[in-house]
Amino acid sequence: MSGFFLAPPVLVPFMEIPTALIALGYLGFEVAGGIHSVACNRKKQIVDHVLVSKSGLQIGVRLDAEGRLELLVDEDELRTREGLELQDFEKQVQQKYQYAELLERLKSEGYTVVEENEESDQTIRLVVRRWR
């Protein structure tokens, strides 16, 4: 069954569109300029941004009526093009969002990443330095 999901179901101050777009970029998605609709559940949905993966999967990004960020994706297309279940994809987006948010915060505090390693359990270890 096709559908859409909210990722994450929190208000925008905790997940902002620019950081969400960066997080999706880490997953291989690029903003498709000039496109403002996606097919979801066999219906055309108007969105603020459309992102496309190398496999051609389109994701819509928009704010809902309560100010929460929505990511609209067709589950069948996600399975076919990316080989992922919805829950796994949502987890990847959450992880990359937290990563992008952390990097932005470190940068704003004057830190530079000097080393980055991904552990076997998918934990990312960062070594940062701030010059005075």
Protein backbone atom coordinates (compact mmCIF):
# COMPACT_ATOMS: atom_id res chain seq x y z
CA MET A 1 0.00 0.00 0.00
CA SER A 2 1.38 3.41 -0.93
CA GLY A 3 1.30 6.36 1.41
CA PHE A 4 3.17 9.12 3.16
CA PHE A 5 4.77 9.59 6.53
CA LEU A 6 5.72 12.36 8.91
CA ALA A 7 9.38 12.34 9.76
CA PRO A 8 9.73 13.18 12.56
CA PRO A 9 6.36 14.12 14.07
CA VAL A 10 7.80 17.20 15.81
CA LEU A 11 7.40 20.91 15.30
CA VAL A 12 9.60 22.70 12.78
CA PRO A 13 11.88 24.44 15.35
CA PHE A 14 13.27 20.97 16.07
CA MET A 15 13.51 19.93 12.42
CA GLU A 16 13.93 22.78 10.00
CA ILE A 17 13.62 22.46 6.25
CA PRO A 18 17.20 23.55 5.38
CA THR A 19 18.70 20.96 7.75
CA ALA A 20 16.27 18.31 6.51
CA LEU A 21 17.35 19.02 2.93
CA ILE A 22 21.01 18.67 3.96
CA ALA A 23 20.22 15.38 5.72
CA LEU A 24 18.50 14.03 2.61
CA GLY A 25 21.52 15.20 0.61
CA TYR A 26 23.69 12.93 2.76
CA LEU A 27 21.41 10.09 1.66
CA GLY A 28 22.04 10.92 -2.01
CA PHE A 29 19.04 13.14 -2.76
CA GLU A 30 19.27 16.39 -4.70
CA VAL A 31 16.76 19.23 -4.92
CA ALA A 32 14.85 19.16 -8.20
CA GLY A 33 14.46 22.82 -9.12
CA GLY A 34 11.12 23.99 -10.46
CA ILE A 35 9.16 20.91 -9.35
CA HIS A 36 6.54 21.41 -6.64
CA SER A 37 4.46 18.23 -6.72
CA VAL A 38 4.98 14.51 -6.18
CA ALA A 39 2.83 11.45 -6.74
CA CYS A 40 1.89 9.90 -3.43
CA ASN A 41 -0.79 7.28 -2.97
CA ARG A 42 -1.69 7.77 -6.64
CA LYS A 43 -2.52 11.43 -6.03
CA LYS A 44 -0.63 14.56 -6.95
CA GLN A 45 0.57 16.33 -3.77
CA ILE A 46 1.76 19.95 -3.75
CA VAL A 47 4.99 20.37 -1.76
CA ASP A 48 7.55 23.06 -0.94
CA HIS A 49 10.53 21.09 -2.31
CA VAL A 50 11.05 17.91 -4.33
CA LEU A 51 14.19 15.85 -3.94
CA VAL A 52 15.27 13.09 -6.31
CA SER A 53 17.67 10.21 -5.66
CA LYS A 54 20.04 8.71 -8.22
CA SER A 55 17.54 5.87 -8.65
CA GLY A 56 14.81 8.39 -9.54
CA LEU A 57 12.85 8.21 -6.28
CA GLN A 58 11.09 11.50 -5.58
CA ILE A 59 10.41 12.82 -2.08
CA GLY A 60 8.23 15.81 -1.32
CA VAL A 61 8.99 18.15 1.59
CA ARG A 62 6.36 20.51 3.04
CA LEU A 63 4.92 21.90 6.24
CA ASP A 64 1.57 20.61 7.44
CA ALA A 65 -1.21 22.77 8.95
CA GLU A 66 0.29 22.43 12.46
CA GLY A 67 3.78 23.47 11.32
CA ARG A 68 5.26 19.96 11.32
CA LEU A 69 7.61 18.89 8.57
CA GLU A 70 6.20 16.25 6.23
CA LEU A 71 8.21 14.02 3.95
CA LEU A 72 5.97 12.48 1.32
CA VAL A 73 7.17 9.32 -0.36
CA ASP A 74 5.45 6.51 -2.19
CA GLU A 75 6.18 3.33 -0.23
CA ASP A 76 6.10 1.09 -3.30
CA GLU A 77 8.56 3.35 -5.11
CA LEU A 78 10.79 3.44 -2.01
CA ARG A 79 10.85 -0.35 -1.91
CA THR A 80 11.37 -0.72 -5.67
CA ARG A 81 13.94 2.02 -6.27
CA GLU A 82 15.87 2.08 -2.99
CA GLY A 83 15.23 -1.43 -1.62
CA LEU A 84 14.10 0.03 1.71
CA GLU A 85 11.09 -0.33 3.95
CA LEU A 86 9.51 2.87 5.19
CA GLN A 87 10.64 2.39 8.81
CA ASP A 88 14.27 1.87 7.74
CA PHE A 89 14.18 4.96 5.55
CA GLU A 90 12.63 7.05 8.31
CA LYS A 91 15.41 5.91 10.67
CA GLN A 92 18.08 6.89 8.12
CA VAL A 93 16.53 10.34 7.69
CA GLN A 94 16.41 10.83 11.48
CA GLN A 95 20.06 9.82 11.85
CA LYS A 96 21.28 12.06 9.04
CA TYR A 97 19.18 14.96 10.35
CA GLN A 98 20.79 14.66 13.78
CA TYR A 99 24.22 14.45 12.14
CA ALA A 100 23.60 17.57 10.00
CA GLU A 101 22.25 19.45 13.01
CA LEU A 102 25.30 18.54 15.09
CA LEU A 103 27.73 19.63 12.36
CA GLU A 104 25.94 22.96 12.00
CA ARG A 105 26.04 23.56 15.76
CA LEU A 106 29.75 22.69 15.95
CA LYS A 107 30.49 25.04 13.06
CA SER A 108 28.54 27.89 14.69
CA GLU A 109 30.60 27.40 17.87
CA GLY A 110 33.86 27.66 15.93
CA TYR A 111 34.79 23.97 15.74
CA THR A 112 36.26 22.21 12.72
CA VAL A 113 35.95 18.46 12.12
CA VAL A 114 39.47 17.05 11.83
CA GLU A 115 38.60 13.36 11.81
CA GLU A 116 35.47 11.31 11.21
CA ASN A 117 35.09 7.54 11.51
CA GLU A 118 32.02 5.35 11.17
CA GLU A 119 32.09 2.39 13.53
CA SER A 120 30.76 -1.07 12.63
CA ASP A 121 27.57 -0.36 14.62
CA GLN A 122 27.00 2.76 12.45
CA THR A 123 28.07 5.09 15.26
CA ILE A 124 29.93 8.10 13.90
CA ARG A 125 32.96 9.25 15.86
CA LEU A 126 33.98 12.86 15.29
CA VAL A 127 37.18 14.54 16.40
CA VAL A 128 36.81 18.32 16.39
CA ARG A 129 39.15 21.18 17.11
CA ARG A 130 38.63 24.85 17.81
CA TRP A 131 41.44 27.28 17.13
CA ARG A 132 41.76 30.25 19.45
